[in-house]
Amino acid sequence: MARHLITSALPYINGIKHLGNMVGSMLPADVYSRYLRRRGHEVLYICATDEHGTPAELAAKAAGLPVDEFCARQHLAQKVVYDGFELSFDYFGRSSSVQNREITQEFARELHANGFIEERAVRQVYSKADGRFLPDRYIEGTCPHCGYDKARGDQCENCTRLLDPTDLIDARSAVSGSRDLEVRETTHLFLLQSKLESEVAAWIDANGSEWPTLASSIARKWLTEGLADRAITRDLDWGVPVPGDVWPELAAAGKVFYVWFDAPIEYIGATKEWADAAPADESRDWKSWWYQADDVRYTEFMAKDNVPFHTVMFPATIIGTRAPWKKVDYVKAFNWLNYYGGKFSTSQQHGIFTDAALELLPADYWRYFLMANAPESDDTSFSWELFSSSVNKDLADTLGNFVNRVLSFSLKRFGDSVPAGNEAGEAERALGEEVAGLLAEYEGHLEALRFRKAAQALRALWSAGNSYLEAKAPWLEIRTDEAAAALTLRTAMNLIHLYGVLSEPFIPSTAAVMRGVFALPEQTLPDEGPAERDPAAGQAWVTPEQARALEFVGAGTSFTVPPVLFAKITDENLEAWRERFGAE
């Protein structure tokens, strides 16, 4: 059985992330990690804040803080939000860590020794008003390809095309706004991607056919256009320093590595942070996950604008070291979640941000909605109307109302223990077959990382319980055949337990409540991780045979009726939220 290494694109440090960022990387990675743990796999889910680069310096300056203090505060602020969303990271690190600095510098040394890094004199934009060379992200202007007037000097946020600062129309300093710019000569390190192009292409040919079309098509598009040598240093005060033992003059000049050079290496750096955080734990062998890790299945999650760096630049970096570092096996790429047709944007503060979302409703409302509408095949658009409909129909009515009806009615008519009643009949056998079939669909979609379809299968499992309940109508059965009504309720209670197990990847908090309804002995999950600390962890997963039998909870088991699982969203809620966040 393979060990599963899972990473999600590192959230940038310059502020709390929006829902589009959550659904495009961290949340699906969490759902997949939780699923694999429940199935008994060894899982290591790694993430970190991406802390270097121009936006960090600019955000720190705007906040009136030293950049290191700003990043430390923002790391903690983001961690609080991700804990609120119940993201089950095994470790959430920082790209400014000592571990990442050391590994990044070692990568650079190996690339240089193998002939894949060279110094080049380049002409770079210099701002007279700021008295400094401007790194690409310190320059803003109009994109020559799509006309977006807030494009950065490295990449247009609107059309995702990579840019050179000199490509921009009407360029200006992002620091001072000055247009008094000129081009001067300076020296930078370049990663010679052109010398690695054939090896990267061969690697993508061997691995990319398994990836989703979105990921593989972006990677192949870059290869078709040809890999250009790329500058991997910048003139910044904050970043991984160029090692002085190899490049003394550049180190003395204060050059640091480009954020997109060191950020992917932080996946490895954060894994070492995880190991170093518990030095007495011999099971935390960070290198076994990354170096000669033939038994590891590595899956990356990211939005489409991050794909080029992860499928071309980072693999080129790894290949160029000539060391057996682990390369990604599967790239799960997502399109964009838009807000009423416009892009969610951290820099423009457009859309719903994750901290505000948690102020409105608990995490499970958002987790389910986002995954049920994940932008997998194309861009999708958030609207309050769609969100309300999904919550009210799927969560409140189909799942929550089922749980409340069954438990409340049984408590009223049979007391606080699961009733016995008749043996299972034809209706129960048909239900078991339906549930086993839907379980297989659900598992198949999660194995293939088809999250929208997995959510549909989970919803179908919830609906099967409602259909069974409506067909059997225990509120009518009890008038003439109390034992028949008891069988129906006992079966429905076993469905509640099944939902509590199978829903855990999507709605972990609610799933724990459903599992905790019944006084069953606790079990330990087969893998370490945050889920194992759940006091209502209970049964890890459900086999097809168990799904058919629906005999998890025996007669006589005591139970409690939990509070309402999901409150409905009202028209008043919608009106207030539209006004607060806008709806256009």
Protein backbone atom coordinates (compact mmCIF):
# COMPACT_ATOMS: atom_id res chain seq x y z
CA MET A 1 0.00 0.00 0.00
CA ALA A 2 1.49 3.32 -1.11
CA ARG A 3 2.14 6.14 1.29
CA HIS A 4 0.37 9.30 0.20
CA LEU A 5 2.13 12.65 0.19
CA ILE A 6 -0.32 15.51 -0.38
CA THR A 7 0.44 19.19 -0.82
CA SER A 8 -1.76 22.16 -1.62
CA ALA A 9 -0.49 25.35 -3.21
CA LEU A 10 1.00 27.58 -0.55
CA PRO A 11 -1.36 30.45 0.39
CA TYR A 12 0.41 33.75 0.02
CA ILE A 13 1.14 35.71 3.17
CA ASN A 14 -0.33 39.08 2.20
CA GLY A 15 -3.75 38.65 3.80
CA ILE A 16 -6.58 36.24 4.55
CA LYS A 17 -7.53 34.16 1.53
CA HIS A 18 -10.88 34.17 -0.26
CA LEU A 19 -13.19 31.22 -0.93
CA GLY A 20 -11.78 30.78 -4.44
CA ASN A 21 -8.36 30.14 -2.98
CA MET A 22 -9.83 27.68 -0.47
CA VAL A 23 -11.70 25.59 -3.02
CA GLY A 24 -8.83 25.68 -5.53
CA SER A 25 -6.22 24.00 -3.34
CA MET A 26 -6.47 23.49 0.42
CA LEU A 27 -10.04 22.23 0.85
CA PRO A 28 -9.99 19.48 -1.81
CA ALA A 29 -6.59 18.39 -0.54
CA ASP A 30 -8.10 18.10 2.92
CA VAL A 31 -11.11 16.10 1.68
CA TYR A 32 -8.79 13.70 -0.13
CA SER A 33 -6.46 13.40 2.87
CA ARG A 34 -9.34 12.65 5.21
CA TYR A 35 -10.72 10.04 2.81
CA LEU A 36 -7.38 8.27 2.46
CA ARG A 37 -6.82 8.22 6.22
CA ARG A 38 -10.26 6.70 6.71
CA ARG A 39 -9.39 3.99 4.19
CA GLY A 40 -6.30 3.05 6.18
CA HIS A 41 -3.58 4.74 4.12
CA GLU A 42 -0.53 6.45 5.59
CA VAL A 43 -0.94 10.12 4.69
CA LEU A 44 1.24 13.19 5.07
CA TYR A 45 -0.58 16.43 4.22
CA ILE A 46 1.80 19.39 4.06
CA CYS A 47 1.14 23.07 3.51
CA ALA A 48 2.74 26.39 4.49
CA THR A 49 2.48 30.11 4.05
CA ASP A 50 4.40 31.49 1.06
CA GLU A 51 6.19 34.43 2.66
CA HIS A 52 8.79 35.84 0.28
CA GLY A 53 8.49 38.18 -2.65
CA THR A 54 7.31 41.66 -3.46
CA PRO A 55 3.71 41.52 -2.17
CA ALA A 56 4.94 40.57 1.29
CA GLU A 57 7.21 43.60 1.40
CA LEU A 58 4.49 45.89 0.07
CA ALA A 59 1.87 44.56 2.50
CA ALA A 60 4.29 44.91 5.42
CA LYS A 61 5.04 48.48 4.39
CA ALA A 62 1.32 49.29 4.18
CA ALA A 63 0.83 47.78 7.66
CA GLY A 64 3.75 49.77 9.08
CA LEU A 65 5.53 46.62 10.25
CA PRO A 66 8.92 45.01 9.64
CA VAL A 67 8.36 42.33 7.03
CA ASP A 68 9.40 39.45 9.30
CA GLU A 69 6.96 40.56 12.01
CA PHE A 70 4.22 41.08 9.45
CA CYS A 71 4.71 37.55 8.08
CA ALA A 72 4.73 36.00 11.56
CA ARG A 73 1.44 37.68 12.40
CA GLN A 74 -0.17 36.77 9.10
CA HIS A 75 0.93 33.15 9.40
CA LEU A 76 -0.88 32.88 12.73
CA ALA A 77 -3.94 34.70 11.39
CA GLN A 78 -4.19 32.32 8.44
CA LYS A 79 -3.65 29.29 10.67
CA VAL A 80 -6.61 30.33 12.84
CA VAL A 81 -8.86 30.43 9.77
CA TYR A 82 -7.65 27.08 8.45
CA ASP A 83 -8.21 25.52 11.86
CA GLY A 84 -11.72 26.97 11.68
CA PHE A 85 -12.25 25.20 8.35
CA GLU A 86 -10.92 22.01 10.00
CA LEU A 87 -8.13 21.57 7.48
CA SER A 88 -6.25 18.50 8.70
CA PHE A 89 -2.70 19.53 7.83
CA ASP A 90 -0.09 17.27 9.35
CA TYR A 91 2.06 20.38 9.32
CA PHE A 92 1.50 23.98 8.30
CA GLY A 93 4.91 25.57 7.86
CA ARG A 94 6.51 28.79 6.69
CA SER A 95 8.62 29.33 3.59
CA SER A 96 10.79 31.75 5.60
CA SER A 97 11.93 28.87 7.81
CA VAL A 98 15.56 27.97 8.36
CA GLN A 99 14.84 24.56 6.86
CA ASN A 100 13.58 26.02 3.60
CA ARG A 101 16.48 28.46 3.37
CA GLU A 102 19.02 25.66 3.76
CA ILE A 103 17.35 23.30 1.28
CA THR A 104 16.78 26.06 -1.28
CA GLN A 105 20.41 27.10 -1.11
CA GLU A 106 21.52 23.48 -1.47
CA PHE A 107 19.30 23.07 -4.54
CA ALA A 108 20.94 26.16 -6.05
CA ARG A 109 24.42 24.80 -5.34
CA GLU A 110 23.56 21.48 -7.02
CA LEU A 111 22.04 23.20 -10.06
CA HIS A 112 25.12 25.38 -10.38
CA ALA A 113 27.48 22.42 -10.04
CA ASN A 114 25.56 20.63 -12.81
CA GLY A 115 25.74 23.60 -15.16
CA PHE A 116 22.12 24.72 -14.95
CA ILE A 117 22.57 28.13 -13.31
CA GLU A 118 24.61 30.99 -14.71
CA GLU A 119 25.10 34.68 -14.03
CA ARG A 120 23.84 37.07 -16.66
CA ALA A 121 23.91 40.81 -16.99
CA VAL A 122 20.39 42.02 -17.62
CA ARG A 123 18.68 45.31 -18.15
CA GLN A 124 16.17 45.94 -15.39
CA VAL A 125 13.73 48.68 -14.51
CA TYR A 126 15.11 51.21 -12.03
CA SER A 127 12.91 53.72 -10.21
CA LYS A 128 14.58 57.05 -9.61
CA ALA A 129 11.87 58.04 -7.12
CA ASP A 130 12.43 54.87 -5.06
CA GLY A 131 16.20 54.78 -5.57
CA ARG A 132 16.23 51.06 -6.35
CA PHE A 133 15.86 48.40 -8.98
CA LEU A 134 12.28 47.22 -9.09
CA PRO A 135 11.60 43.48 -9.03
CA ASP A 136 8.92 42.45 -11.49
CA ARG A 137 6.07 42.53 -8.98
CA TYR A 138 7.02 46.05 -7.92
CA ILE A 139 5.96 47.20 -11.37
CA GLU A 140 2.36 47.57 -12.49
CA GLY A 141 0.88 48.53 -15.81
CA THR A 142 -1.41 47.47 -18.63
CA CYS A 143 -1.11 43.93 -19.97
CA PRO A 144 -0.17 43.98 -23.67
CA HIS A 145 -2.17 40.79 -24.27
CA CYS A 146 -5.55 41.45 -22.63
CA GLY A 147 -5.49 45.14 -21.67
CA TYR A 148 -5.89 44.55 -17.93
CA ASP A 149 -4.67 47.77 -16.31
CA LYS A 150 -3.38 46.30 -13.03
CA ALA A 151 -1.08 43.63 -14.45
CA ARG A 152 2.10 42.89 -12.50
CA GLY A 153 5.53 42.73 -14.04
CA ASP A 154 5.78 38.94 -13.73
CA GLN A 155 2.26 37.74 -14.60
CA CYS A 156 -1.10 39.18 -15.57
CA GLU A 157 -3.64 38.22 -12.92
CA ASN A 158 -6.42 38.51 -15.50
CA CYS A 159 -5.19 36.35 -18.41
CA THR A 160 -2.40 34.48 -16.53
CA ARG A 161 0.18 35.21 -19.26
CA LEU A 162 3.73 35.45 -17.97
CA LEU A 163 5.25 38.86 -18.52
CA ASP A 164 8.51 40.73 -18.37
CA PRO A 165 8.27 44.15 -16.67
CA THR A 166 9.36 45.82 -19.88
CA ASP A 167 6.30 44.30 -21.63
CA LEU A 168 3.90 46.45 -19.61
CA ILE A 169 2.22 49.47 -21.12
CA ASP A 170 2.24 52.66 -19.02
CA ALA A 171 4.43 51.00 -16.38
CA ARG A 172 4.62 52.50 -12.89
CA SER A 173 6.24 51.71 -9.55
CA ALA A 174 4.02 49.72 -7.19
CA VAL A 175 5.91 51.32 -4.30
CA SER A 176 5.55 55.01 -5.08
CA GLY A 177 3.34 55.08 -8.19
CA SER A 178 6.10 56.94 -10.01
CA ARG A 179 6.34 56.59 -13.78
CA ASP A 180 9.88 58.00 -13.72
CA LEU A 181 11.45 54.66 -14.59
CA GLU A 182 14.48 53.76 -16.62
CA VAL A 183 16.26 50.58 -17.61
CA ARG A 184 19.70 49.92 -16.14
CA GLU A 185 22.08 46.97 -16.17
CA THR A 186 22.37 44.57 -13.21
CA THR A 187 23.35 40.92 -12.68
CA HIS A 188 21.08 38.00 -11.81
CA LEU A 189 21.18 34.22 -11.70
CA PHE A 190 19.31 32.34 -14.42
CA LEU A 191 17.95 28.80 -14.32
CA LEU A 192 18.79 27.34 -17.71
CA GLN A 193 15.44 25.75 -18.42
CA SER A 194 16.29 25.56 -22.12
CA LYS A 195 18.97 22.95 -21.34
CA LEU A 196 16.42 20.92 -19.34
CA GLU A 197 13.50 21.21 -21.76
CA SER A 198 13.83 17.77 -23.34
CA GLU A 199 14.05 16.09 -19.93
CA VAL A 200 11.02 17.98 -18.62
CA ALA A 201 9.10 17.06 -21.78
CA ALA A 202 10.01 13.40 -21.37
CA TRP A 203 8.89 13.46 -17.76
CA ILE A 204 5.56 15.09 -18.65
CA ASP A 205 5.06 12.54 -21.45
CA ALA A 206 5.62 9.74 -18.97
CA ASN A 207 3.41 11.17 -16.22
CA GLY A 208 1.08 13.85 -17.56
CA SER A 209 -1.30 11.57 -19.45
CA GLU A 210 -2.86 10.62 -16.10
CA TRP A 211 -3.44 14.22 -15.04
CA PRO A 212 -6.69 16.12 -15.60
CA THR A 213 -6.86 17.82 -18.99
CA LEU A 214 -6.61 21.24 -17.35
CA ALA A 215 -3.21 20.45 -15.82
CA SER A 216 -1.71 18.52 -18.71
CA SER A 217 -2.84 21.02 -21.37
CA ILE A 218 -1.27 23.96 -19.52
CA ALA A 219 2.00 22.07 -19.06
CA ARG A 220 2.13 21.04 -22.73
CA LYS A 221 1.28 24.56 -23.86
CA TRP A 222 4.36 25.82 -22.05
CA LEU A 223 6.49 23.14 -23.64
CA THR A 224 5.11 23.91 -27.09
CA GLU A 225 6.09 27.55 -26.65
CA GLY A 226 9.56 26.48 -25.53
CA LEU A 227 11.17 26.83 -22.12
CA ALA A 228 13.09 30.06 -21.74
CA ASP A 229 15.92 30.51 -19.27
CA ARG A 230 14.47 32.30 -16.27
CA ALA A 231 15.95 34.74 -13.76
CA ILE A 232 15.73 33.21 -10.29
CA THR A 233 17.06 36.11 -8.21
CA ARG A 234 15.61 39.47 -7.28
CA ASP A 235 16.66 42.75 -5.69
CA LEU A 236 14.71 42.49 -2.45
CA ASP A 237 15.40 42.80 1.25
CA TRP A 238 13.30 39.75 2.19
CA GLY A 239 13.91 36.26 0.83
CA VAL A 240 16.29 33.31 0.76
CA PRO A 241 19.77 34.84 0.34
CA VAL A 242 22.00 33.78 -2.51
CA PRO A 243 24.73 31.64 -0.87
CA GLY A 244 27.96 33.57 -0.62
CA ASP A 245 30.16 30.48 -0.91
CA VAL A 246 29.13 30.17 -4.57
CA TRP A 247 28.22 33.72 -5.59
CA PRO A 248 30.05 36.08 -3.20
CA GLU A 249 29.47 39.24 -5.25
CA LEU A 250 25.74 38.65 -5.65
CA ALA A 251 25.42 37.75 -1.98
CA ALA A 252 27.23 40.94 -1.04
CA ALA A 253 24.82 42.87 -3.26
CA GLY A 254 21.91 41.43 -1.25
CA LYS A 255 20.36 39.32 -3.99
CA VAL A 256 17.69 36.85 -2.89
CA PHE A 257 16.04 33.99 -4.74
CA TYR A 258 12.85 34.58 -6.70
CA VAL A 259 9.83 33.55 -4.64
CA TRP A 260 8.75 31.02 -7.27
CA PHE A 261 12.13 29.33 -6.96
CA ASP A 262 12.00 28.80 -3.19
CA ALA A 263 8.22 28.43 -2.65
CA PRO A 264 7.81 24.92 -4.17
CA ILE A 265 10.94 23.79 -2.36
CA GLU A 266 9.08 24.70 0.85
CA TYR A 267 7.00 21.55 0.38
CA ILE A 268 10.20 19.74 1.26
CA GLY A 269 11.22 22.40 3.78
CA ALA A 270 7.89 22.17 5.61
CA THR A 271 8.23 18.39 5.78
CA LYS A 272 11.58 18.87 7.49
CA GLU A 273 9.95 21.44 9.78
CA TRP A 274 7.39 18.74 10.66
CA ALA A 275 10.15 16.30 11.52
CA ASP A 276 12.22 18.84 13.44
CA ALA A 277 9.16 19.82 15.50
CA ALA A 278 9.22 16.35 17.13
CA PRO A 279 12.86 15.24 17.12
CA ALA A 280 12.16 12.33 19.47
CA ASP A 281 9.61 10.83 17.07
CA GLU A 282 11.60 8.42 14.93
CA SER A 283 8.61 7.86 12.63
CA ARG A 284 8.99 11.41 11.35
CA ASP A 285 11.62 10.66 8.74
CA TRP A 286 11.13 13.64 6.43
CA LYS A 287 13.61 12.48 3.84
CA SER A 288 11.82 9.16 3.32
CA TRP A 289 8.92 11.12 1.86
CA TRP A 290 11.05 13.06 -0.61
CA TYR A 291 14.34 11.29 -1.35
CA GLN A 292 14.35 7.93 -3.15
CA ALA A 293 10.69 7.73 -2.13
CA ASP A 294 9.56 5.07 -4.57
CA ASP A 295 6.74 3.92 -2.29
CA VAL A 296 5.21 7.41 -2.11
CA ARG A 297 2.29 8.59 -4.22
CA TYR A 298 2.58 12.39 -4.45
CA THR A 299 -0.52 14.47 -5.28
CA GLU A 300 -0.50 18.27 -5.66
CA PHE A 301 -3.60 20.50 -5.52
CA MET A 302 -3.66 23.96 -7.08
CA ALA A 303 -5.58 26.51 -9.14
CA LYS A 304 -4.81 26.76 -12.83
CA ASP A 305 -2.62 29.85 -12.55
CA ASN A 306 -0.16 27.86 -10.41
CA VAL A 307 0.08 24.93 -12.82
CA PRO A 308 3.01 26.17 -14.97
CA PHE A 309 5.31 26.60 -12.00
CA HIS A 310 4.46 23.18 -10.55
CA THR A 311 4.49 21.18 -13.79
CA VAL A 312 7.44 22.83 -15.56
CA MET A 313 9.63 25.10 -13.43
CA PHE A 314 9.70 23.04 -10.23
CA PRO A 315 10.22 19.72 -12.05
CA ALA A 316 13.02 21.37 -14.07
CA THR A 317 14.59 22.48 -10.79
CA ILE A 318 14.39 18.97 -9.33
CA ILE A 319 15.66 17.30 -12.50
CA GLY A 320 18.56 19.71 -12.69
CA THR A 321 19.81 18.76 -9.22
CA ARG A 322 20.47 15.23 -10.54
CA ALA A 323 19.36 13.96 -7.13
CA PRO A 324 16.49 11.48 -6.60
CA TRP A 325 14.02 13.98 -5.13
CA LYS A 326 10.37 12.98 -5.42
CA LYS A 327 8.45 14.53 -8.30
CA VAL A 328 4.70 14.84 -8.40
CA ASP A 329 2.66 11.87 -9.60
CA TYR A 330 -0.71 13.58 -9.97
CA VAL A 331 -1.56 17.26 -10.41
CA LYS A 332 -5.16 18.11 -9.51
CA ALA A 333 -5.78 21.51 -11.04
CA PHE A 334 -8.88 23.65 -10.60
CA ASN A 335 -10.42 26.44 -12.59
CA TRP A 336 -11.58 29.59 -10.85
CA LEU A 337 -14.52 30.14 -8.57
CA ASN A 338 -15.89 33.55 -9.49
CA TYR A 339 -18.11 35.87 -7.51
CA TYR A 340 -21.20 36.81 -9.53
CA GLY A 341 -19.15 36.47 -12.70
CA GLY A 342 -16.22 38.57 -11.48
CA LYS A 343 -12.98 37.14 -10.12
CA PHE A 344 -12.40 36.65 -6.43
CA SER A 345 -9.32 38.71 -5.73
CA THR A 346 -7.18 39.13 -2.63
CA SER A 347 -5.46 42.22 -4.00
CA GLN A 348 -8.75 43.85 -5.05
CA GLN A 349 -10.69 42.62 -1.95
CA HIS A 350 -13.50 41.35 -4.16
CA GLY A 351 -15.65 38.46 -2.95
CA ILE A 352 -16.03 36.52 0.30
CA PHE A 353 -12.97 35.92 2.41
CA THR A 354 -12.57 32.86 4.57
CA ASP A 355 -12.57 34.64 7.91
CA ALA A 356 -15.79 36.47 7.05
CA ALA A 357 -17.36 33.20 5.86
CA LEU A 358 -16.75 31.62 9.26
CA GLU A 359 -18.33 34.64 10.96
CA LEU A 360 -21.55 33.89 9.10
CA LEU A 361 -21.83 30.11 9.34
CA PRO A 362 -19.86 27.09 10.60
CA ALA A 363 -17.27 25.53 8.33
CA ASP A 364 -19.35 22.53 7.20
CA TYR A 365 -21.82 24.77 5.38
CA TRP A 366 -18.96 26.17 3.29
CA ARG A 367 -17.03 22.92 2.93
CA TYR A 368 -19.99 21.09 1.45
CA PHE A 369 -21.10 23.90 -0.83
CA LEU A 370 -17.62 24.58 -2.18
CA MET A 371 -16.86 20.94 -2.95
CA ALA A 372 -20.31 20.30 -4.43
CA ASN A 373 -19.66 23.22 -6.78
CA ALA A 374 -15.89 22.83 -7.20
CA PRO A 375 -14.61 24.44 -10.44
CA GLU A 376 -13.18 21.26 -11.90
CA SER A 377 -14.28 21.25 -15.55
CA ASP A 378 -14.68 25.00 -15.98
CA ASP A 379 -14.93 28.24 -14.03
CA THR A 380 -17.95 28.40 -11.73
CA SER A 381 -19.66 31.36 -10.13
CA PHE A 382 -20.68 31.88 -6.53
CA SER A 383 -24.03 33.47 -5.82
CA TRP A 384 -25.87 33.80 -2.53
CA GLU A 385 -28.93 32.29 -4.16
CA LEU A 386 -27.04 29.15 -5.20
CA PHE A 387 -25.41 28.89 -1.79
CA SER A 388 -28.76 29.22 0.00
CA SER A 389 -30.41 26.62 -2.22
CA SER A 390 -27.59 24.11 -1.68
CA VAL A 391 -27.57 24.57 2.09
CA ASN A 392 -31.34 24.47 2.50
CA LYS A 393 -32.07 21.57 0.17
CA ASP A 394 -29.06 19.31 0.68
CA LEU A 395 -27.83 20.01 4.18
CA ALA A 396 -30.90 21.22 6.09
CA ASP A 397 -33.65 19.20 4.39
CA THR A 398 -32.06 16.06 2.96
CA LEU A 399 -29.53 15.34 5.73
CA GLY A 400 -30.39 17.39 8.80
CA ASN A 401 -34.13 16.89 8.69
CA PHE A 402 -33.71 13.13 8.18
CA VAL A 403 -31.54 12.83 11.28
CA ASN A 404 -33.86 14.94 13.40
CA ARG A 405 -37.07 13.22 12.24
CA VAL A 406 -35.77 9.72 12.85
CA LEU A 407 -34.23 10.31 16.27
CA SER A 408 -36.99 12.57 17.60
CA PHE A 409 -39.78 10.21 16.54
CA SER A 410 -38.00 7.15 17.90
CA LEU A 411 -37.30 8.89 21.23
CA LYS A 412 -40.95 9.86 21.51
CA ARG A 413 -42.38 6.44 20.70
CA PHE A 414 -39.69 3.96 21.84
CA GLY A 415 -37.48 5.81 24.31
CA ASP A 416 -33.77 6.58 24.18
CA SER A 417 -32.57 3.17 22.98
CA VAL A 418 -32.56 1.81 19.44
CA PRO A 419 -35.76 -0.24 19.05
CA ALA A 420 -35.63 -3.90 18.02
CA GLY A 421 -38.65 -4.69 15.88
CA ASN A 422 -38.89 -7.13 13.01
CA GLU A 423 -36.08 -8.74 11.07
CA ALA A 424 -35.03 -6.91 7.89
CA GLY A 425 -37.33 -7.49 4.95
CA GLU A 426 -37.33 -6.89 1.22
CA ALA A 427 -37.40 -3.10 1.55
CA GLU A 428 -34.29 -3.20 3.77
CA ARG A 429 -32.48 -5.56 1.43
CA ALA A 430 -33.23 -3.27 -1.53
CA LEU A 431 -32.04 -0.28 0.49
CA GLY A 432 -28.81 -2.09 1.39
CA GLU A 433 -28.10 -2.86 -2.27
CA GLU A 434 -28.75 0.76 -3.21
CA VAL A 435 -26.49 2.03 -0.45
CA ALA A 436 -23.70 -0.40 -1.41
CA GLY A 437 -23.91 0.76 -5.03
CA LEU A 438 -23.80 4.42 -4.07
CA LEU A 439 -20.89 3.72 -1.73
CA ALA A 440 -18.94 2.24 -4.64
CA GLU A 441 -19.72 5.33 -6.74
CA TYR A 442 -18.66 7.63 -3.92
CA GLU A 443 -15.38 5.79 -3.40
CA GLY A 444 -14.67 5.68 -7.11
CA HIS A 445 -15.11 9.42 -7.50
CA LEU A 446 -12.92 10.19 -4.48
CA GLU A 447 -10.22 7.80 -5.68
CA ALA A 448 -10.26 9.63 -9.03
CA LEU A 449 -10.40 13.07 -7.33
CA ARG A 450 -13.74 13.94 -8.94
CA PHE A 451 -15.07 16.02 -6.09
CA ARG A 452 -18.30 17.34 -7.56
CA LYS A 453 -19.37 13.84 -8.53
CA ALA A 454 -18.32 12.55 -5.12
CA ALA A 455 -20.54 15.18 -3.51
CA GLN A 456 -23.41 14.09 -5.77
CA ALA A 457 -22.94 10.47 -4.69
CA LEU A 458 -22.88 11.51 -1.03
CA ARG A 459 -26.07 13.52 -1.51
CA ALA A 460 -27.64 10.48 -3.21
CA LEU A 461 -26.78 8.40 -0.14
CA TRP A 462 -28.58 10.94 2.05
CA SER A 463 -31.54 10.95 -0.35
CA ALA A 464 -31.79 7.16 -0.23
CA GLY A 465 -32.57 7.39 3.48
CA ASN A 466 -35.33 9.91 2.87
CA SER A 467 -36.86 7.79 0.11
CA TYR A 468 -36.81 4.74 2.35
CA LEU A 469 -38.37 6.68 5.23
CA GLU A 470 -41.14 8.11 3.05
CA ALA A 471 -41.92 4.70 1.55
CA LYS A 472 -42.08 2.92 4.91
CA ALA A 473 -43.78 5.82 6.77
CA PRO A 474 -43.15 4.67 10.35
CA TRP A 475 -45.56 7.33 11.63
CA LEU A 476 -48.29 5.32 9.88
CA GLU A 477 -46.81 1.86 10.50
CA ILE A 478 -46.85 2.37 14.25
CA ARG A 479 -50.64 2.64 14.24
CA THR A 480 -51.05 -0.98 13.18
CA ASP A 481 -47.66 -2.72 13.50
CA GLU A 482 -45.31 -1.38 16.15
CA ALA A 483 -42.59 -3.96 15.31
CA ALA A 484 -42.59 -2.87 11.66
CA ALA A 485 -42.19 0.78 12.67
CA ALA A 486 -39.35 -0.19 15.01
CA LEU A 487 -37.56 -1.98 12.14
CA THR A 488 -37.88 1.11 9.95
CA LEU A 489 -36.47 3.38 12.65
CA ARG A 490 -33.68 0.96 13.52
CA THR A 491 -32.68 0.82 9.84
CA ALA A 492 -32.84 4.60 9.56
CA MET A 493 -30.64 4.95 12.64
CA ASN A 494 -28.08 2.69 11.04
CA LEU A 495 -28.16 5.01 8.04
CA ILE A 496 -27.41 7.92 10.37
CA HIS A 497 -24.32 6.12 11.64
CA LEU A 498 -23.29 5.28 8.06
CA TYR A 499 -23.69 8.96 7.10
CA GLY A 500 -21.56 9.89 10.11
CA VAL A 501 -18.73 7.74 8.79
CA LEU A 502 -18.96 8.44 5.06
CA SER A 503 -19.62 12.19 5.31
CA GLU A 504 -16.47 12.83 7.35
CA PRO A 505 -14.23 13.96 4.45
CA PHE A 506 -16.73 16.65 3.44
CA ILE A 507 -18.39 17.76 6.69
CA PRO A 508 -16.15 16.51 9.53
CA SER A 509 -17.76 18.39 12.40
CA THR A 510 -21.30 17.31 11.53
CA ALA A 511 -20.12 13.78 10.81
CA ALA A 512 -18.63 13.60 14.31
CA VAL A 513 -21.98 14.72 15.76
CA MET A 514 -23.78 11.96 13.83
CA ARG A 515 -21.29 9.34 14.98
CA GLY A 516 -21.61 10.60 18.54
CA VAL A 517 -25.38 10.11 18.58
CA PHE A 518 -24.99 6.45 19.50
CA ALA A 519 -23.20 5.03 22.54
CA LEU A 520 -20.76 2.89 20.57
CA PRO A 521 -17.21 1.96 21.61
CA GLU A 522 -14.55 4.30 20.27
CA GLN A 523 -12.09 3.02 17.70
CA THR A 524 -8.72 4.37 16.64
CA LEU A 525 -8.22 5.49 13.09
CA PRO A 526 -5.51 3.52 11.26
CA ASP A 527 -3.32 6.53 10.57
CA GLU A 528 -1.91 9.29 12.70
CA GLY A 529 -3.21 12.75 12.06
CA PRO A 530 -5.71 15.28 13.37
CA ALA A 531 -8.68 13.00 12.60
CA GLU A 532 -7.36 10.44 15.08
CA ARG A 533 -7.83 12.91 17.90
CA ASP A 534 -11.57 13.08 17.21
CA PRO A 535 -13.26 11.73 20.37
CA ALA A 536 -16.11 10.42 18.20
CA ALA A 537 -13.81 8.90 15.60
CA GLY A 538 -15.62 5.57 15.77
CA GLN A 539 -15.65 3.31 12.76
CA ALA A 540 -13.08 4.31 10.17
CA TRP A 541 -14.95 3.34 6.99
CA VAL A 542 -17.71 1.10 5.67
CA THR A 543 -17.30 -2.09 3.65
CA PRO A 544 -19.80 -3.07 0.91
CA GLU A 545 -21.00 -5.92 3.11
CA GLN A 546 -21.62 -3.55 6.01
CA ALA A 547 -23.45 -1.16 3.71
CA ARG A 548 -25.77 -3.94 2.58
CA ALA A 549 -26.40 -5.23 6.10
CA LEU A 550 -26.91 -1.85 7.81
CA GLU A 551 -26.28 -3.40 11.22
CA PHE A 552 -23.81 -0.96 12.78
CA VAL A 553 -26.10 -0.01 15.64
CA GLY A 554 -27.83 -2.84 17.43
CA ALA A 555 -31.14 -2.81 19.22
CA GLY A 556 -30.81 -1.52 22.74
CA THR A 557 -28.00 0.93 21.96
CA SER A 558 -28.68 4.21 23.71
CA PHE A 559 -28.77 7.40 21.68
CA THR A 560 -29.26 11.14 22.04
CA VAL A 561 -30.99 13.65 19.81
CA PRO A 562 -28.49 16.32 18.75
CA PRO A 563 -29.34 19.96 18.14
CA VAL A 564 -30.42 20.90 14.61
CA LEU A 565 -27.51 19.99 12.35
CA PHE A 566 -28.02 22.75 9.77
CA ALA A 567 -30.10 25.89 10.15
CA LYS A 568 -31.87 27.07 7.03
CA ILE A 569 -30.77 30.28 5.39
CA THR A 570 -33.61 32.79 5.45
CA ASP A 571 -34.59 35.54 3.05
CA GLU A 572 -33.47 38.01 5.74
CA ASN A 573 -30.04 36.36 5.83
CA LEU A 574 -29.74 36.65 2.07
CA GLU A 575 -30.72 40.29 2.02
CA ALA A 576 -28.20 41.16 4.72
CA TRP A 577 -25.37 39.22 3.07
CA ARG A 578 -26.04 40.67 -0.37
CA GLU A 579 -25.87 44.12 1.12
CA ARG A 580 -22.68 43.40 3.05
CA PHE A 581 -20.74 41.63 0.30
CA GLY A 582 -22.41 42.90 -2.84
CA ALA A 583 -24.18 40.75 -5.39
CA GLU A 584 -23.11 41.92 -8.81
